[in-house]
Amino acid sequence: MKNLTVGNILISRVVETEGPFLQPQQLLPEAKAEVIESHKHWLAPHFIAPDGMFIMSIHTYVVCTKHHTILVDTCVNGYQPSRMQSTSLLRKNGSSGRVNTMLVVRQGMVLLLIA
């Protein structure tokens, strides 16, 4: 997990998986091999592996404030955004009736607020 602090807000990047995933032409079908090769001097070692595969990261962000913890998930890995266009879920704390969890899905992005 990598952290960034902005004022009193802590933003954490939580990596699910990271590493070489795709050949450049799988991600950029019109990319010519010689063009990719001409950029290897700055792409390696952080963005392209020795075998030529693009290095990619599947991750989420957790934003912590004084009062809330928010999960930001862009739904890139394993989700079906077309089925989750606009959904909201509120879960109330039984006795107080206060909302303590809120899940909002918009255009394939999940925001989970835990109060």
N, C-alpha and C. Protein backbone atom coordinates (compact mmCIF):
# COMPACT_ATOMS: atom_id res chain seq x y z
N MET A 1 0.85 -1.17 0.00
CA MET A 1 0.00 0.00 0.00
C MET A 1 0.91 1.24 0.00
N LYS A 2 0.59 2.20 -0.87
CA LYS A 2 1.33 3.44 -0.94
C LYS A 2 0.41 4.57 -0.49
N ASN A 3 0.94 5.49 0.32
CA ASN A 3 0.11 6.54 0.91
C ASN A 3 0.52 7.93 0.44
N LEU A 4 -0.48 8.82 0.43
CA LEU A 4 -0.28 10.23 0.15
C LEU A 4 -1.14 10.99 1.14
N THR A 5 -0.57 11.99 1.79
CA THR A 5 -1.33 12.80 2.73
C THR A 5 -1.53 14.19 2.13
N VAL A 6 -2.80 14.62 2.10
CA VAL A 6 -3.15 15.96 1.63
C VAL A 6 -3.90 16.63 2.77
N GLY A 7 -3.23 17.55 3.46
CA GLY A 7 -3.84 18.14 4.65
C GLY A 7 -4.09 17.05 5.68
N ASN A 8 -5.34 16.92 6.13
CA ASN A 8 -5.72 15.88 7.10
C ASN A 8 -6.31 14.65 6.43
N ILE A 9 -6.17 14.54 5.13
CA ILE A 9 -6.74 13.42 4.38
C ILE A 9 -5.63 12.47 3.97
N LEU A 10 -5.83 11.19 4.25
CA LEU A 10 -4.88 10.15 3.87
C LEU A 10 -5.45 9.39 2.68
N ILE A 11 -4.69 9.30 1.60
CA ILE A 11 -5.10 8.57 0.40
C ILE A 11 -4.14 7.40 0.24
N SER A 12 -4.70 6.19 0.22
CA SER A 12 -3.89 4.99 0.10
C SER A 12 -4.22 4.25 -1.19
N ARG A 13 -3.20 3.84 -1.90
CA ARG A 13 -3.37 3.02 -3.10
C ARG A 13 -3.18 1.57 -2.66
N VAL A 14 -4.21 0.74 -2.87
CA VAL A 14 -4.16 -0.65 -2.47
C VAL A 14 -4.09 -1.49 -3.75
N VAL A 15 -2.95 -2.14 -3.97
CA VAL A 15 -2.71 -2.89 -5.20
C VAL A 15 -3.28 -4.30 -5.09
N GLU A 16 -4.10 -4.66 -6.06
CA GLU A 16 -4.60 -6.03 -6.16
C GLU A 16 -3.56 -6.88 -6.87
N THR A 17 -3.08 -6.38 -7.99
CA THR A 17 -2.04 -7.08 -8.74
C THR A 17 -1.30 -6.05 -9.59
N GLU A 18 -0.02 -6.31 -9.81
CA GLU A 18 0.79 -5.39 -10.59
C GLU A 18 1.89 -6.19 -11.26
N GLY A 19 2.11 -5.94 -12.53
CA GLY A 19 3.16 -6.65 -13.23
C GLY A 19 2.93 -6.63 -14.73
N PRO A 20 3.77 -7.36 -15.46
CA PRO A 20 3.63 -7.42 -16.92
C PRO A 20 2.36 -8.18 -17.31
N PHE A 21 1.51 -7.54 -18.12
CA PHE A 21 0.23 -8.14 -18.48
C PHE A 21 0.04 -8.33 -19.97
N LEU A 22 0.35 -7.30 -20.75
CA LEU A 22 0.00 -7.31 -22.16
C LEU A 22 1.17 -6.89 -23.03
N GLN A 23 1.21 -7.46 -24.24
CA GLN A 23 2.11 -6.95 -25.26
C GLN A 23 1.58 -5.58 -25.69
N PRO A 24 2.43 -4.65 -26.05
CA PRO A 24 1.96 -3.32 -26.44
C PRO A 24 0.85 -3.35 -27.51
N GLN A 25 0.95 -4.24 -28.49
CA GLN A 25 -0.05 -4.28 -29.56
C GLN A 25 -1.41 -4.79 -29.07
N GLN A 26 -1.45 -5.49 -27.95
CA GLN A 26 -2.74 -5.91 -27.38
C GLN A 26 -3.48 -4.72 -26.79
N LEU A 27 -2.76 -3.78 -26.23
CA LEU A 27 -3.36 -2.59 -25.64
C LEU A 27 -3.52 -1.47 -26.67
N LEU A 28 -2.53 -1.36 -27.53
CA LEU A 28 -2.52 -0.32 -28.56
C LEU A 28 -2.33 -1.00 -29.93
N PRO A 29 -3.42 -1.51 -30.52
CA PRO A 29 -3.30 -2.33 -31.74
C PRO A 29 -2.59 -1.63 -32.91
N GLU A 30 -2.64 -0.31 -32.98
CA GLU A 30 -2.01 0.38 -34.10
C GLU A 30 -0.56 0.77 -33.83
N ALA A 31 -0.07 0.45 -32.64
CA ALA A 31 1.31 0.80 -32.29
C ALA A 31 2.28 -0.08 -33.07
N LYS A 32 3.23 0.56 -33.69
CA LYS A 32 4.25 -0.17 -34.44
C LYS A 32 5.39 -0.56 -33.50
N ALA A 33 5.90 -1.77 -33.68
CA ALA A 33 6.96 -2.30 -32.81
C ALA A 33 8.16 -1.36 -32.76
N GLU A 34 8.54 -0.75 -33.89
CA GLU A 34 9.72 0.13 -33.91
C GLU A 34 9.47 1.41 -33.11
N VAL A 35 8.23 1.86 -33.03
CA VAL A 35 7.92 3.05 -32.24
C VAL A 35 8.03 2.72 -30.75
N ILE A 36 7.46 1.58 -30.36
CA ILE A 36 7.58 1.13 -28.95
C ILE A 36 9.06 0.98 -28.60
N GLU A 37 9.81 0.36 -29.48
CA GLU A 37 11.25 0.14 -29.25
C GLU A 37 11.98 1.47 -29.06
N SER A 38 11.61 2.49 -29.82
CA SER A 38 12.30 3.78 -29.72
C SER A 38 12.01 4.50 -28.39
N HIS A 39 11.00 4.04 -27.66
CA HIS A 39 10.65 4.65 -26.37
C HIS A 39 11.06 3.80 -25.17
N LYS A 40 11.67 2.65 -25.42
CA LYS A 40 12.04 1.76 -24.30
C LYS A 40 13.01 2.41 -23.32
N HIS A 41 13.79 3.38 -23.77
CA HIS A 41 14.77 4.01 -22.88
C HIS A 41 14.10 4.70 -21.69
N TRP A 42 12.89 5.18 -21.84
CA TRP A 42 12.19 5.80 -20.70
C TRP A 42 11.06 4.93 -20.17
N LEU A 43 10.58 3.97 -20.96
CA LEU A 43 9.52 3.08 -20.49
C LEU A 43 10.06 2.04 -19.50
N ALA A 44 11.28 1.57 -19.74
CA ALA A 44 11.87 0.55 -18.86
C ALA A 44 12.54 1.24 -17.67
N PRO A 45 12.51 0.65 -16.53
CA PRO A 45 11.91 -0.63 -16.15
C PRO A 45 10.52 -0.50 -15.52
N HIS A 46 9.99 0.72 -15.41
CA HIS A 46 8.75 0.92 -14.66
C HIS A 46 7.48 0.63 -15.46
N PHE A 47 7.53 0.80 -16.78
CA PHE A 47 6.32 0.67 -17.59
C PHE A 47 6.37 -0.45 -18.61
N ILE A 48 7.55 -0.97 -18.87
CA ILE A 48 7.68 -2.08 -19.81
C ILE A 48 8.73 -3.05 -19.27
N ALA A 49 8.40 -4.33 -19.28
CA ALA A 49 9.27 -5.37 -18.74
C ALA A 49 10.34 -5.75 -19.77
N PRO A 50 11.39 -6.45 -19.33
CA PRO A 50 12.43 -6.87 -20.26
C PRO A 50 11.91 -7.70 -21.43
N ASP A 51 10.81 -8.43 -21.21
CA ASP A 51 10.25 -9.25 -22.29
C ASP A 51 9.33 -8.45 -23.22
N GLY A 52 9.22 -7.12 -23.00
CA GLY A 52 8.43 -6.27 -23.87
C GLY A 52 6.98 -6.10 -23.45
N MET A 53 6.56 -6.77 -22.38
CA MET A 53 5.18 -6.66 -21.91
C MET A 53 5.00 -5.34 -21.16
N PHE A 54 3.81 -4.71 -21.34
CA PHE A 54 3.49 -3.52 -20.57
C PHE A 54 3.26 -3.91 -19.11
N ILE A 55 3.80 -3.14 -18.20
CA ILE A 55 3.58 -3.35 -16.77
C ILE A 55 2.36 -2.53 -16.38
N MET A 56 1.38 -3.19 -15.80
CA MET A 56 0.12 -2.53 -15.45
C MET A 56 -0.22 -2.82 -14.00
N SER A 57 -1.10 -2.00 -13.44
CA SER A 57 -1.51 -2.14 -12.06
C SER A 57 -3.03 -2.15 -11.97
N ILE A 58 -3.56 -3.11 -11.23
CA ILE A 58 -4.98 -3.15 -10.89
C ILE A 58 -5.04 -2.80 -9.41
N HIS A 59 -5.68 -1.68 -9.10
CA HIS A 59 -5.69 -1.22 -7.71
C HIS A 59 -6.95 -0.40 -7.42
N THR A 60 -7.11 -0.08 -6.16
CA THR A 60 -8.19 0.76 -5.69
C THR A 60 -7.58 1.83 -4.79
N TYR A 61 -8.37 2.81 -4.44
CA TYR A 61 -7.91 3.85 -3.52
C TYR A 61 -8.81 3.88 -2.29
N VAL A 62 -8.21 4.10 -1.14
CA VAL A 62 -8.95 4.30 0.10
C VAL A 62 -8.61 5.71 0.59
N VAL A 63 -9.65 6.51 0.78
CA VAL A 63 -9.50 7.89 1.23
C VAL A 63 -10.02 7.96 2.67
N CYS A 64 -9.16 8.37 3.60
CA CYS A 64 -9.55 8.46 5.01
C CYS A 64 -9.54 9.92 5.45
N THR A 65 -10.69 10.36 5.95
CA THR A 65 -10.79 11.69 6.54
C THR A 65 -11.03 11.50 8.03
N LYS A 66 -11.20 12.58 8.76
CA LYS A 66 -11.46 12.50 10.19
C LYS A 66 -12.74 11.71 10.49
N HIS A 67 -13.72 11.81 9.59
CA HIS A 67 -15.02 11.21 9.86
C HIS A 67 -15.40 10.07 8.93
N HIS A 68 -14.70 9.89 7.83
CA HIS A 68 -15.14 8.90 6.85
C HIS A 68 -13.97 8.10 6.29
N THR A 69 -14.27 6.90 5.85
CA THR A 69 -13.36 6.09 5.06
C THR A 69 -14.09 5.81 3.75
N ILE A 70 -13.46 6.17 2.63
CA ILE A 70 -14.10 6.05 1.32
C ILE A 70 -13.26 5.15 0.44
N LEU A 71 -13.88 4.14 -0.13
CA LEU A 71 -13.23 3.25 -1.08
C LEU A 71 -13.61 3.73 -2.48
N VAL A 72 -12.61 3.99 -3.32
CA VAL A 72 -12.84 4.42 -4.70
C VAL A 72 -12.36 3.30 -5.60
N ASP A 73 -13.26 2.66 -6.30
CA ASP A 73 -12.93 1.55 -7.18
C ASP A 73 -13.43 1.90 -8.58
N THR A 74 -12.56 1.98 -9.56
CA THR A 74 -12.94 2.38 -10.91
C THR A 74 -13.54 1.25 -11.74
N CYS A 75 -13.68 0.07 -11.14
CA CYS A 75 -14.36 -1.07 -11.78
C CYS A 75 -13.70 -1.51 -13.07
N VAL A 76 -12.40 -1.47 -13.11
CA VAL A 76 -11.70 -1.90 -14.31
C VAL A 76 -11.51 -3.41 -14.32
N ASN A 77 -11.40 -4.02 -13.16
CA ASN A 77 -11.06 -5.44 -13.10
C ASN A 77 -12.25 -6.29 -12.65
N GLY A 78 -12.82 -7.03 -13.58
CA GLY A 78 -13.81 -8.04 -13.23
C GLY A 78 -15.22 -7.55 -13.00
N TYR A 79 -15.50 -6.29 -13.21
CA TYR A 79 -16.84 -5.79 -13.00
C TYR A 79 -17.56 -5.66 -14.33
N GLN A 80 -18.87 -5.56 -14.28
CA GLN A 80 -19.70 -5.39 -15.46
C GLN A 80 -20.36 -4.02 -15.38
N PRO A 81 -19.64 -2.94 -15.75
CA PRO A 81 -20.20 -1.59 -15.59
C PRO A 81 -21.54 -1.41 -16.29
N SER A 82 -21.77 -2.10 -17.38
CA SER A 82 -23.04 -1.92 -18.09
C SER A 82 -24.23 -2.35 -17.23
N ARG A 83 -24.00 -3.25 -16.29
CA ARG A 83 -25.07 -3.69 -15.39
C ARG A 83 -25.16 -2.82 -14.14
N MET A 84 -24.16 -1.97 -13.93
CA MET A 84 -24.10 -1.19 -12.70
C MET A 84 -24.07 0.30 -13.01
N GLN A 85 -24.95 0.78 -13.86
CA GLN A 85 -24.89 2.17 -14.28
C GLN A 85 -25.26 3.15 -13.18
N SER A 86 -26.27 2.85 -12.39
CA SER A 86 -26.70 3.81 -11.39
C SER A 86 -27.36 3.08 -10.23
N THR A 87 -26.63 2.90 -9.17
CA THR A 87 -27.13 2.16 -8.02
C THR A 87 -26.70 2.87 -6.75
N SER A 88 -27.57 2.91 -5.77
CA SER A 88 -27.20 3.44 -4.46
C SER A 88 -27.71 2.49 -3.39
N LEU A 89 -26.96 2.31 -2.36
CA LEU A 89 -27.35 1.45 -1.25
C LEU A 89 -26.97 2.17 0.03
N LEU A 90 -27.95 2.33 0.91
CA LEU A 90 -27.68 2.91 2.22
C LEU A 90 -27.95 1.85 3.27
N ARG A 91 -27.05 1.67 4.18
CA ARG A 91 -27.26 0.72 5.28
C ARG A 91 -27.28 1.53 6.56
N LYS A 92 -28.36 1.41 7.31
CA LYS A 92 -28.50 2.19 8.54
C LYS A 92 -28.07 1.39 9.74
N ASN A 93 -27.55 2.10 10.70
CA ASN A 93 -27.19 1.51 11.98
C ASN A 93 -28.49 1.26 12.74
N GLY A 94 -28.82 0.01 12.95
CA GLY A 94 -30.08 -0.43 13.53
C GLY A 94 -30.79 0.51 14.48
N SER A 95 -30.28 0.74 15.67
CA SER A 95 -31.02 1.48 16.68
C SER A 95 -31.04 2.98 16.44
N SER A 96 -29.93 3.55 15.97
CA SER A 96 -29.88 5.01 15.82
C SER A 96 -30.53 5.48 14.52
N GLY A 97 -30.64 4.60 13.54
CA GLY A 97 -31.17 5.00 12.25
C GLY A 97 -30.19 5.82 11.43
N ARG A 98 -28.98 5.99 11.96
CA ARG A 98 -27.95 6.77 11.26
C ARG A 98 -27.33 5.94 10.15
N VAL A 99 -27.11 6.55 9.00
CA VAL A 99 -26.47 5.85 7.89
C VAL A 99 -25.01 5.65 8.23
N ASN A 100 -24.53 4.37 8.18
CA ASN A 100 -23.13 4.13 8.45
C ASN A 100 -22.38 3.55 7.26
N THR A 101 -23.09 3.14 6.22
CA THR A 101 -22.45 2.65 5.01
C THR A 101 -23.24 3.13 3.82
N MET A 102 -22.56 3.64 2.82
CA MET A 102 -23.24 4.06 1.60
C MET A 102 -22.42 3.56 0.43
N LEU A 103 -23.05 2.87 -0.51
CA LEU A 103 -22.41 2.40 -1.72
C LEU A 103 -23.06 3.09 -2.90
N VAL A 104 -22.27 3.76 -3.71
CA VAL A 104 -22.79 4.46 -4.88
C VAL A 104 -22.03 3.96 -6.10
N VAL A 105 -22.76 3.56 -7.12
CA VAL A 105 -22.14 3.11 -8.37
C VAL A 105 -22.64 4.02 -9.48
N ARG A 106 -21.73 4.67 -10.17
CA ARG A 106 -22.08 5.55 -11.29
C ARG A 106 -21.12 5.28 -12.43
N GLN A 107 -21.63 5.00 -13.58
CA GLN A 107 -20.83 4.80 -14.78
C GLN A 107 -19.64 3.89 -14.53
N GLY A 108 -19.86 2.82 -13.78
CA GLY A 108 -18.80 1.84 -13.56
C GLY A 108 -17.80 2.20 -12.49
N MET A 109 -18.03 3.25 -11.70
CA MET A 109 -17.14 3.58 -10.60
C MET A 109 -17.87 3.33 -9.28
N VAL A 110 -17.24 2.65 -8.37
CA VAL A 110 -17.83 2.35 -7.08
C VAL A 110 -17.23 3.27 -6.03
N LEU A 111 -18.07 3.93 -5.27
CA LEU A 111 -17.65 4.71 -4.11
C LEU A 111 -18.31 4.09 -2.89
N LEU A 112 -17.54 3.65 -1.95
CA LEU A 112 -18.07 3.05 -0.73
C LEU A 112 -17.67 3.95 0.42
N LEU A 113 -18.66 4.51 1.10
CA LEU A 113 -18.43 5.41 2.23
C LEU A 113 -18.78 4.66 3.50
N ILE A 114 -17.84 4.58 4.42
CA ILE A 114 -18.07 3.93 5.70
C ILE A 114 -17.92 5.00 6.77
N ALA A 115 -19.02 5.30 7.44
CA ALA A 115 -18.98 6.37 8.46
C ALA A 115 -18.66 5.79 9.81
